[in-house]
Amino acid sequence: MARSIMSSEPLFVGSVIGDVLDSFTQSMKMCVFYSNNKQVFNGHEFFPSIVVAKPRVAIQEGDFRSFFTLIMTDLDVPRPSDPYLREHLHWIVTNIPGTTNTAFRREIVSYEIPTPNIGIHRFVFVLFKQKRRQSVNPSSSRDYFNTRAFAADNDLGLPVTAIYFNAQRETATRRR
């Protein structure tokens, strides 16, 4: 069931809508899990030691004839107070069949471990429904990535869903 993203929603509160995405109608459900089945919820914090391995991403409410593109970026590089490298690309997966997960797909930019150095960073997963099974042109650089421009260049339209988490540098005592 499609629903419009409202200004009280976490994507607005966390400035994901505005900083990197335009307002859109959420029409799909996506679940993201890191090791030990730690599920990503909007605005929750994960320590970098939890997000080392590529996450498991499940698309719900899709159908076997649909294909999706998933993008993961860091919105706050190098630091939240001055994110002049916004966005930093961490992962692109395309041709993900509906009703499945990212294991059945084409990874065009390999997963890069989130390693925030200064401050609390927002890491966002954005899912686009492709018009067809297609080739997607990868970005030439991980820095200065632009989700809006990438979607326009590859005829992806607006997202169908998005979710983000926060992470900050772990101190040595947190890792123990």
N, C-alpha and C. Protein backbone atom coordinates (compact mmCIF):
# COMPACT_ATOMS: atom_id res chain seq x y z
N MET A 1 0.84 -1.17 0.00
CA MET A 1 0.00 0.00 0.00
C MET A 1 0.89 1.24 0.00
N ALA A 2 0.71 2.11 -0.96
CA ALA A 2 1.52 3.32 -1.08
C ALA A 2 1.12 4.33 -0.02
N ARG A 3 2.13 5.01 0.53
CA ARG A 3 1.82 6.09 1.45
C ARG A 3 2.83 7.20 1.24
N SER A 4 2.34 8.40 1.36
CA SER A 4 3.17 9.57 1.15
C SER A 4 4.05 9.80 2.38
N ILE A 5 5.28 10.19 2.15
CA ILE A 5 6.19 10.50 3.24
C ILE A 5 5.82 11.89 3.78
N MET A 6 5.47 11.97 5.04
CA MET A 6 5.03 13.22 5.65
C MET A 6 6.18 13.87 6.42
N SER A 7 6.04 15.16 6.72
CA SER A 7 7.12 15.90 7.38
C SER A 7 7.43 15.39 8.78
N SER A 8 6.56 14.61 9.39
CA SER A 8 6.84 14.06 10.72
C SER A 8 7.56 12.72 10.64
N GLU A 9 7.74 12.20 9.45
CA GLU A 9 8.37 10.91 9.27
C GLU A 9 9.88 11.00 9.52
N PRO A 10 10.50 9.89 9.94
CA PRO A 10 11.94 9.89 10.24
C PRO A 10 12.82 10.37 9.08
N LEU A 11 12.45 10.10 7.84
CA LEU A 11 13.28 10.56 6.71
C LEU A 11 13.31 12.08 6.61
N PHE A 12 12.23 12.75 7.02
CA PHE A 12 12.22 14.22 7.08
C PHE A 12 12.97 14.70 8.30
N VAL A 13 12.66 14.10 9.44
CA VAL A 13 13.30 14.51 10.70
C VAL A 13 14.82 14.36 10.61
N GLY A 14 15.28 13.28 9.99
CA GLY A 14 16.72 13.05 9.82
C GLY A 14 17.31 13.79 8.64
N SER A 15 16.51 14.62 7.95
CA SER A 15 16.92 15.43 6.79
C SER A 15 17.40 14.61 5.61
N VAL A 16 17.05 13.32 5.56
CA VAL A 16 17.35 12.52 4.37
C VAL A 16 16.54 13.09 3.21
N ILE A 17 15.22 13.34 3.48
CA ILE A 17 14.40 14.06 2.51
C ILE A 17 14.85 15.51 2.61
N GLY A 18 15.33 16.02 1.54
CA GLY A 18 15.87 17.38 1.52
C GLY A 18 17.35 17.36 1.20
N ASP A 19 18.14 16.69 2.03
CA ASP A 19 19.59 16.65 1.80
C ASP A 19 19.94 15.83 0.55
N VAL A 20 19.29 14.68 0.37
CA VAL A 20 19.64 13.83 -0.79
C VAL A 20 18.46 13.29 -1.58
N LEU A 21 17.27 13.30 -1.00
CA LEU A 21 16.10 12.79 -1.70
C LEU A 21 15.00 13.84 -1.73
N ASP A 22 14.23 13.82 -2.81
CA ASP A 22 13.02 14.62 -2.87
C ASP A 22 11.91 13.81 -2.19
N SER A 23 10.85 14.49 -1.79
CA SER A 23 9.73 13.80 -1.19
C SER A 23 9.17 12.79 -2.20
N PHE A 24 8.77 11.61 -1.71
CA PHE A 24 8.26 10.56 -2.58
C PHE A 24 7.19 9.78 -1.84
N THR A 25 6.44 8.98 -2.56
CA THR A 25 5.43 8.11 -1.97
C THR A 25 6.04 6.73 -1.78
N GLN A 26 6.07 6.29 -0.53
CA GLN A 26 6.62 4.97 -0.23
C GLN A 26 5.62 3.91 -0.69
N SER A 27 6.05 3.07 -1.63
CA SER A 27 5.15 2.06 -2.18
C SER A 27 5.64 0.64 -1.98
N MET A 28 6.79 0.47 -1.35
CA MET A 28 7.36 -0.86 -1.10
C MET A 28 7.85 -0.89 0.34
N LYS A 29 8.11 -2.10 0.81
CA LYS A 29 8.72 -2.28 2.13
C LYS A 29 10.04 -3.01 1.93
N MET A 30 11.06 -2.50 2.60
CA MET A 30 12.39 -3.09 2.51
C MET A 30 12.90 -3.29 3.93
N CYS A 31 13.50 -4.44 4.19
CA CYS A 31 14.11 -4.72 5.49
C CYS A 31 15.60 -4.93 5.27
N VAL A 32 16.41 -4.30 6.12
CA VAL A 32 17.86 -4.41 6.04
C VAL A 32 18.35 -4.99 7.36
N PHE A 33 19.16 -6.04 7.25
CA PHE A 33 19.68 -6.73 8.44
C PHE A 33 21.20 -6.83 8.34
N TYR A 34 21.86 -6.47 9.44
CA TYR A 34 23.30 -6.71 9.54
C TYR A 34 23.51 -7.99 10.36
N SER A 35 24.76 -8.32 10.62
CA SER A 35 25.09 -9.56 11.32
C SER A 35 24.26 -9.73 12.58
N ASN A 36 24.04 -10.98 12.94
CA ASN A 36 23.23 -11.34 14.11
C ASN A 36 21.80 -10.81 14.01
N ASN A 37 21.29 -10.68 12.78
CA ASN A 37 19.91 -10.23 12.53
C ASN A 37 19.58 -8.89 13.15
N LYS A 38 20.54 -7.98 13.19
CA LYS A 38 20.29 -6.63 13.68
C LYS A 38 19.63 -5.84 12.56
N GLN A 39 18.34 -5.53 12.75
CA GLN A 39 17.56 -4.85 11.71
C GLN A 39 17.77 -3.34 11.77
N VAL A 40 17.85 -2.73 10.59
CA VAL A 40 17.98 -1.28 10.48
C VAL A 40 16.60 -0.65 10.58
N PHE A 41 16.48 0.32 11.47
CA PHE A 41 15.28 1.14 11.60
C PHE A 41 15.71 2.59 11.46
N ASN A 42 14.86 3.41 10.88
CA ASN A 42 15.20 4.82 10.65
C ASN A 42 15.71 5.49 11.92
N GLY A 43 16.92 6.05 11.81
CA GLY A 43 17.48 6.83 12.89
C GLY A 43 18.16 6.06 14.00
N HIS A 44 18.10 4.73 13.98
CA HIS A 44 18.77 3.95 15.02
C HIS A 44 20.27 3.99 14.80
N GLU A 45 21.02 3.83 15.88
CA GLU A 45 22.48 3.88 15.77
C GLU A 45 23.08 2.48 15.79
N PHE A 46 24.05 2.28 14.90
CA PHE A 46 24.84 1.06 14.87
C PHE A 46 26.30 1.43 15.03
N PHE A 47 27.03 0.60 15.73
CA PHE A 47 28.47 0.80 15.82
C PHE A 47 29.10 0.25 14.55
N PRO A 48 30.18 0.85 14.07
CA PRO A 48 30.84 0.36 12.86
C PRO A 48 31.21 -1.12 12.91
N SER A 49 31.51 -1.65 14.10
CA SER A 49 31.85 -3.08 14.20
C SER A 49 30.67 -3.98 13.85
N ILE A 50 29.44 -3.48 13.89
CA ILE A 50 28.25 -4.25 13.53
C ILE A 50 28.03 -4.26 12.02
N VAL A 51 28.46 -3.19 11.32
CA VAL A 51 28.15 -3.03 9.90
C VAL A 51 29.33 -3.37 8.97
N VAL A 52 30.24 -4.19 9.46
CA VAL A 52 31.43 -4.56 8.68
C VAL A 52 31.05 -5.42 7.46
N ALA A 53 30.21 -6.40 7.67
CA ALA A 53 29.82 -7.29 6.58
C ALA A 53 28.64 -6.69 5.81
N LYS A 54 28.58 -7.00 4.54
CA LYS A 54 27.48 -6.58 3.67
C LYS A 54 26.15 -7.00 4.31
N PRO A 55 25.16 -6.11 4.33
CA PRO A 55 23.89 -6.48 4.94
C PRO A 55 23.05 -7.38 4.05
N ARG A 56 22.07 -8.01 4.66
CA ARG A 56 21.05 -8.77 3.94
C ARG A 56 19.87 -7.82 3.76
N VAL A 57 19.41 -7.67 2.53
CA VAL A 57 18.31 -6.76 2.22
C VAL A 57 17.18 -7.57 1.62
N ALA A 58 16.00 -7.44 2.20
CA ALA A 58 14.81 -8.15 1.71
C ALA A 58 13.79 -7.13 1.22
N ILE A 59 13.29 -7.36 0.01
CA ILE A 59 12.26 -6.51 -0.57
C ILE A 59 10.94 -7.24 -0.40
N GLN A 60 9.99 -6.53 0.18
CA GLN A 60 8.67 -7.12 0.39
C GLN A 60 7.65 -6.40 -0.47
N GLU A 61 6.60 -7.07 -0.81
CA GLU A 61 5.51 -6.52 -1.60
C GLU A 61 5.86 -6.37 -3.08
N GLY A 62 6.97 -6.93 -3.51
CA GLY A 62 7.33 -6.89 -4.93
C GLY A 62 6.72 -8.09 -5.65
N ASP A 63 7.01 -8.19 -6.93
CA ASP A 63 6.60 -9.39 -7.66
C ASP A 63 7.78 -9.86 -8.50
N PHE A 64 7.70 -11.10 -8.95
CA PHE A 64 8.85 -11.71 -9.63
C PHE A 64 9.18 -11.07 -10.97
N ARG A 65 8.29 -10.23 -11.52
CA ARG A 65 8.56 -9.57 -12.80
C ARG A 65 9.20 -8.20 -12.62
N SER A 66 9.33 -7.74 -11.39
CA SER A 66 9.89 -6.42 -11.11
C SER A 66 11.37 -6.54 -10.78
N PHE A 67 12.11 -5.47 -11.09
CA PHE A 67 13.53 -5.41 -10.75
C PHE A 67 13.81 -4.09 -10.05
N PHE A 68 14.79 -4.11 -9.14
CA PHE A 68 15.07 -2.96 -8.30
C PHE A 68 16.55 -2.63 -8.28
N THR A 69 16.85 -1.36 -7.99
CA THR A 69 18.22 -0.89 -7.78
C THR A 69 18.31 -0.36 -6.35
N LEU A 70 19.35 -0.77 -5.65
CA LEU A 70 19.60 -0.34 -4.27
C LEU A 70 20.88 0.47 -4.22
N ILE A 71 20.82 1.61 -3.55
CA ILE A 71 21.98 2.47 -3.37
C ILE A 71 22.17 2.71 -1.87
N MET A 72 23.42 2.67 -1.41
CA MET A 72 23.74 3.02 -0.03
C MET A 72 24.78 4.13 -0.06
N THR A 73 24.48 5.23 0.65
CA THR A 73 25.44 6.34 0.71
C THR A 73 25.58 6.86 2.14
N ASP A 74 26.68 7.55 2.39
CA ASP A 74 26.93 8.29 3.63
C ASP A 74 26.67 9.75 3.30
N LEU A 75 25.78 10.38 4.04
CA LEU A 75 25.39 11.76 3.75
C LEU A 75 26.28 12.79 4.42
N ASP A 76 27.20 12.37 5.29
CA ASP A 76 27.90 13.32 6.16
C ASP A 76 29.42 13.24 6.08
N VAL A 77 29.97 13.04 4.90
CA VAL A 77 31.42 12.91 4.73
C VAL A 77 32.02 14.27 4.40
N PRO A 78 33.10 14.70 5.01
CA PRO A 78 33.87 13.97 6.01
C PRO A 78 33.34 14.14 7.43
N ARG A 79 32.52 15.19 7.68
CA ARG A 79 31.94 15.39 9.00
C ARG A 79 30.57 16.05 8.86
N PRO A 80 29.65 15.75 9.77
CA PRO A 80 28.29 16.29 9.66
C PRO A 80 28.22 17.83 9.60
N SER A 81 29.14 18.50 10.27
CA SER A 81 29.11 19.98 10.26
C SER A 81 29.60 20.56 8.94
N ASP A 82 30.30 19.78 8.13
CA ASP A 82 30.80 20.24 6.84
C ASP A 82 30.88 19.05 5.87
N PRO A 83 29.73 18.58 5.37
CA PRO A 83 29.71 17.38 4.51
C PRO A 83 30.02 17.70 3.05
N TYR A 84 31.17 18.33 2.81
CA TYR A 84 31.48 18.80 1.45
C TYR A 84 31.70 17.67 0.44
N LEU A 85 31.88 16.44 0.89
CA LEU A 85 32.00 15.31 -0.05
C LEU A 85 30.67 14.61 -0.28
N ARG A 86 29.59 15.17 0.27
CA ARG A 86 28.26 14.55 0.17
C ARG A 86 27.96 14.24 -1.27
N GLU A 87 27.45 13.15 -1.52
CA GLU A 87 27.29 11.94 -0.77
C GLU A 87 28.50 11.04 -1.05
N HIS A 88 28.81 10.14 -0.12
CA HIS A 88 29.86 9.15 -0.36
C HIS A 88 29.17 7.82 -0.62
N LEU A 89 29.47 7.23 -1.77
CA LEU A 89 28.82 6.00 -2.21
C LEU A 89 29.44 4.78 -1.52
N HIS A 90 28.57 3.94 -0.95
CA HIS A 90 29.03 2.73 -0.28
C HIS A 90 28.64 1.45 -1.01
N TRP A 91 27.57 1.50 -1.85
CA TRP A 91 27.13 0.25 -2.45
C TRP A 91 26.08 0.53 -3.50
N ILE A 92 26.14 -0.17 -4.64
CA ILE A 92 25.07 -0.15 -5.64
C ILE A 92 24.83 -1.58 -6.10
N VAL A 93 23.57 -1.99 -6.03
CA VAL A 93 23.14 -3.31 -6.47
C VAL A 93 21.97 -3.09 -7.43
N THR A 94 22.01 -3.73 -8.58
CA THR A 94 20.93 -3.57 -9.57
C THR A 94 20.31 -4.92 -9.93
N ASN A 95 19.22 -4.83 -10.68
CA ASN A 95 18.51 -6.01 -11.17
C ASN A 95 18.16 -6.99 -10.06
N ILE A 96 17.74 -6.45 -8.91
CA ILE A 96 17.28 -7.28 -7.79
C ILE A 96 15.85 -7.69 -8.12
N PRO A 97 15.59 -8.99 -8.26
CA PRO A 97 14.21 -9.40 -8.55
C PRO A 97 13.30 -9.13 -7.37
N GLY A 98 12.04 -8.75 -7.64
CA GLY A 98 11.06 -8.55 -6.58
C GLY A 98 10.84 -9.85 -5.83
N THR A 99 10.34 -9.74 -4.60
CA THR A 99 10.07 -10.87 -3.70
C THR A 99 11.31 -11.70 -3.40
N THR A 100 12.45 -11.06 -3.40
CA THR A 100 13.69 -11.79 -3.10
C THR A 100 14.60 -10.88 -2.29
N ASN A 101 15.87 -11.18 -2.29
CA ASN A 101 16.83 -10.34 -1.59
C ASN A 101 18.00 -10.03 -2.50
N THR A 102 18.97 -9.26 -2.00
CA THR A 102 20.07 -8.80 -2.83
C THR A 102 21.04 -9.91 -3.23
N ALA A 103 20.84 -11.13 -2.72
CA ALA A 103 21.71 -12.23 -3.13
C ALA A 103 21.52 -12.56 -4.61
N PHE A 104 20.35 -12.27 -5.15
CA PHE A 104 20.03 -12.55 -6.55
C PHE A 104 20.04 -11.23 -7.30
N ARG A 105 21.22 -10.75 -7.64
CA ARG A 105 21.34 -9.40 -8.21
C ARG A 105 22.66 -9.22 -8.91
N ARG A 106 22.90 -7.98 -9.34
CA ARG A 106 24.17 -7.59 -9.94
C ARG A 106 24.76 -6.45 -9.12
N GLU A 107 25.86 -6.71 -8.46
CA GLU A 107 26.53 -5.69 -7.66
C GLU A 107 27.46 -4.90 -8.59
N ILE A 108 27.16 -3.61 -8.81
CA ILE A 108 28.00 -2.83 -9.72
C ILE A 108 29.00 -1.95 -8.98
N VAL A 109 28.75 -1.68 -7.70
CA VAL A 109 29.75 -1.03 -6.84
C VAL A 109 29.79 -1.85 -5.56
N SER A 110 30.95 -2.41 -5.25
CA SER A 110 31.07 -3.31 -4.10
C SER A 110 30.82 -2.57 -2.78
N TYR A 111 30.40 -3.33 -1.80
CA TYR A 111 30.09 -2.80 -0.48
C TYR A 111 31.36 -2.26 0.18
N GLU A 112 31.28 -1.04 0.66
CA GLU A 112 32.38 -0.42 1.40
C GLU A 112 31.93 -0.24 2.84
N ILE A 113 32.74 -0.68 3.77
CA ILE A 113 32.41 -0.63 5.20
C ILE A 113 32.27 0.82 5.66
N PRO A 114 31.18 1.16 6.34
CA PRO A 114 31.05 2.50 6.92
C PRO A 114 32.10 2.73 8.00
N THR A 115 32.89 3.80 7.85
CA THR A 115 33.92 4.13 8.84
C THR A 115 33.90 5.62 9.13
N PRO A 116 32.88 6.09 9.85
CA PRO A 116 32.84 7.53 10.17
C PRO A 116 33.99 7.90 11.10
N ASN A 117 34.64 9.03 10.81
CA ASN A 117 35.75 9.48 11.64
C ASN A 117 35.35 10.53 12.66
N ILE A 118 34.51 11.47 12.24
CA ILE A 118 34.13 12.59 13.11
C ILE A 118 32.62 12.73 13.12
N GLY A 119 32.02 12.73 14.28
CA GLY A 119 30.59 12.99 14.41
C GLY A 119 29.73 11.79 14.05
N ILE A 120 28.42 12.02 14.12
CA ILE A 120 27.43 11.00 13.81
C ILE A 120 27.05 11.12 12.34
N HIS A 121 27.24 10.05 11.59
CA HIS A 121 26.95 10.03 10.15
C HIS A 121 25.64 9.30 9.89
N ARG A 122 24.93 9.75 8.84
CA ARG A 122 23.70 9.09 8.39
C ARG A 122 24.05 8.24 7.17
N PHE A 123 23.68 6.97 7.23
CA PHE A 123 23.89 6.04 6.12
C PHE A 123 22.51 5.64 5.62
N VAL A 124 22.25 5.90 4.34
CA VAL A 124 20.90 5.68 3.80
C VAL A 124 20.92 4.61 2.72
N PHE A 125 19.89 3.75 2.77
CA PHE A 125 19.62 2.78 1.73
C PHE A 125 18.42 3.30 0.95
N VAL A 126 18.55 3.44 -0.36
CA VAL A 126 17.47 3.94 -1.20
C VAL A 126 17.17 2.86 -2.24
N LEU A 127 15.88 2.53 -2.38
CA LEU A 127 15.46 1.50 -3.32
C LEU A 127 14.63 2.13 -4.43
N PHE A 128 15.01 1.83 -5.67
CA PHE A 128 14.29 2.31 -6.86
C PHE A 128 13.72 1.11 -7.60
N LYS A 129 12.52 1.25 -8.13
CA LYS A 129 11.95 0.21 -8.99
C LYS A 129 12.37 0.53 -10.42
N GLN A 130 13.03 -0.42 -11.06
CA GLN A 130 13.46 -0.24 -12.44
C GLN A 130 12.26 -0.41 -13.37
N LYS A 131 12.30 0.24 -14.50
CA LYS A 131 11.23 0.10 -15.49
C LYS A 131 11.31 -1.25 -16.20
N ARG A 132 12.50 -1.83 -16.17
CA ARG A 132 12.77 -3.11 -16.82
C ARG A 132 14.12 -3.61 -16.30
N ARG A 133 14.47 -4.83 -16.65
CA ARG A 133 15.84 -5.30 -16.35
C ARG A 133 16.76 -4.46 -17.22
N GLN A 134 17.76 -3.85 -16.64
CA GLN A 134 18.55 -2.88 -17.40
C GLN A 134 19.98 -2.80 -16.91
N SER A 135 20.82 -2.21 -17.74
CA SER A 135 22.17 -1.88 -17.35
C SER A 135 22.13 -0.52 -16.69
N VAL A 136 22.85 -0.39 -15.59
CA VAL A 136 22.94 0.88 -14.87
C VAL A 136 24.39 1.32 -14.93
N ASN A 137 24.60 2.58 -15.24
CA ASN A 137 25.96 3.11 -15.33
C ASN A 137 26.48 3.46 -13.96
N PRO A 138 27.57 2.81 -13.53
CA PRO A 138 28.12 3.10 -12.21
C PRO A 138 28.75 4.48 -12.16
N SER A 139 28.88 4.97 -10.97
CA SER A 139 29.51 6.27 -10.75
C SER A 139 31.02 6.12 -10.96
N SER A 140 31.67 7.19 -11.40
CA SER A 140 33.12 7.15 -11.59
C SER A 140 33.87 7.37 -10.28
N SER A 141 33.19 7.87 -9.25
CA SER A 141 33.82 8.14 -7.97
C SER A 141 32.85 7.84 -6.84
N ARG A 142 33.37 7.42 -5.71
CA ARG A 142 32.52 7.22 -4.53
C ARG A 142 32.19 8.56 -3.86
N ASP A 143 33.12 9.52 -3.91
CA ASP A 143 32.87 10.85 -3.34
C ASP A 143 32.07 11.69 -4.31
N TYR A 144 31.33 12.63 -3.77
CA TYR A 144 30.48 13.54 -4.55
C TYR A 144 29.40 12.81 -5.32
N PHE A 145 29.03 11.62 -4.86
CA PHE A 145 27.94 10.90 -5.50
C PHE A 145 26.65 11.69 -5.29
N ASN A 146 25.74 11.60 -6.25
CA ASN A 146 24.46 12.30 -6.14
C ASN A 146 23.34 11.32 -6.50
N THR A 147 22.58 10.92 -5.49
CA THR A 147 21.51 9.95 -5.71
C THR A 147 20.48 10.46 -6.71
N ARG A 148 20.10 11.73 -6.57
CA ARG A 148 19.11 12.30 -7.50
C ARG A 148 19.61 12.24 -8.94
N ALA A 149 20.86 12.66 -9.17
CA ALA A 149 21.42 12.66 -10.52
C ALA A 149 21.57 11.23 -11.05
N PHE A 150 22.01 10.32 -10.20
CA PHE A 150 22.15 8.92 -10.60
C PHE A 150 20.81 8.35 -11.05
N ALA A 151 19.76 8.62 -10.27
CA ALA A 151 18.43 8.13 -10.62
C ALA A 151 17.97 8.73 -11.95
N ALA A 152 18.21 10.01 -12.15
CA ALA A 152 17.81 10.66 -13.41
C ALA A 152 18.60 10.11 -14.59
N ASP A 153 19.92 9.97 -14.43
CA ASP A 153 20.78 9.47 -15.51
C ASP A 153 20.42 8.05 -15.92
N ASN A 154 19.89 7.26 -14.99
CA ASN A 154 19.58 5.86 -15.27
C ASN A 154 18.07 5.59 -15.38
N ASP A 155 17.29 6.66 -15.51
CA ASP A 155 15.84 6.56 -15.71
C ASP A 155 15.17 5.71 -14.63
N LEU A 156 15.52 6.00 -13.37
CA LEU A 156 14.97 5.24 -12.25
C LEU A 156 13.77 5.92 -11.59
N GLY A 157 13.59 7.21 -11.83
CA GLY A 157 12.46 7.91 -11.22
C GLY A 157 12.69 8.15 -9.73
N LEU A 158 11.59 8.30 -9.00
CA LEU A 158 11.66 8.51 -7.56
C LEU A 158 11.84 7.19 -6.82
N PRO A 159 12.39 7.23 -5.61
CA PRO A 159 12.52 5.99 -4.84
C PRO A 159 11.16 5.38 -4.53
N VAL A 160 11.16 4.09 -4.22
CA VAL A 160 9.95 3.43 -3.75
C VAL A 160 10.00 3.25 -2.23
N THR A 161 11.19 3.29 -1.66
CA THR A 161 11.37 3.28 -0.22
C THR A 161 12.80 3.66 0.12
N ALA A 162 13.02 4.04 1.36
CA ALA A 162 14.36 4.37 1.85
C ALA A 162 14.38 4.16 3.36
N ILE A 163 15.55 3.89 3.88
CA ILE A 163 15.74 3.70 5.31
C ILE A 163 17.16 4.12 5.64
N TYR A 164 17.37 4.67 6.85
CA TYR A 164 18.72 5.09 7.20
C TYR A 164 19.05 4.74 8.65
N PHE A 165 20.35 4.65 8.91
CA PHE A 165 20.83 4.47 10.28
C PHE A 165 21.94 5.46 10.53
N ASN A 166 22.24 5.66 11.80
CA ASN A 166 23.33 6.53 12.21
C ASN A 166 24.49 5.69 12.70
N ALA A 167 25.70 6.20 12.53
CA ALA A 167 26.89 5.53 13.06
C ALA A 167 27.93 6.59 13.37
N GLN A 168 28.72 6.32 14.38
CA GLN A 168 29.85 7.18 14.70
C GLN A 168 31.04 6.30 15.06
N ARG A 169 32.19 6.92 15.07
CA ARG A 169 33.43 6.20 15.36
C ARG A 169 33.36 5.55 16.73
N GLU A 170 33.81 4.32 16.80
CA GLU A 170 33.82 3.60 18.07
C GLU A 170 35.11 3.89 18.81
N THR A 171 35.00 4.06 20.09
CA THR A 171 36.20 4.18 20.91
C THR A 171 36.69 2.77 21.19
N ALA A 172 37.93 2.65 21.62
CA ALA A 172 38.49 1.32 21.91
C ALA A 172 37.69 0.60 22.98
N THR A 173 37.15 1.33 23.97
CA THR A 173 36.39 0.65 25.03
C THR A 173 35.06 0.13 24.53
N ARG A 174 34.45 0.76 23.53
CA ARG A 174 33.18 0.27 22.98
C ARG A 174 33.37 -1.04 22.24
N ARG A 175 34.52 -1.25 21.64
CA ARG A 175 34.75 -2.45 20.82
C ARG A 175 35.02 -3.68 21.67
N ARG A 176 35.29 -3.50 22.93
CA ARG A 176 35.62 -4.64 23.79
C ARG A 176 34.41 -5.40 24.20
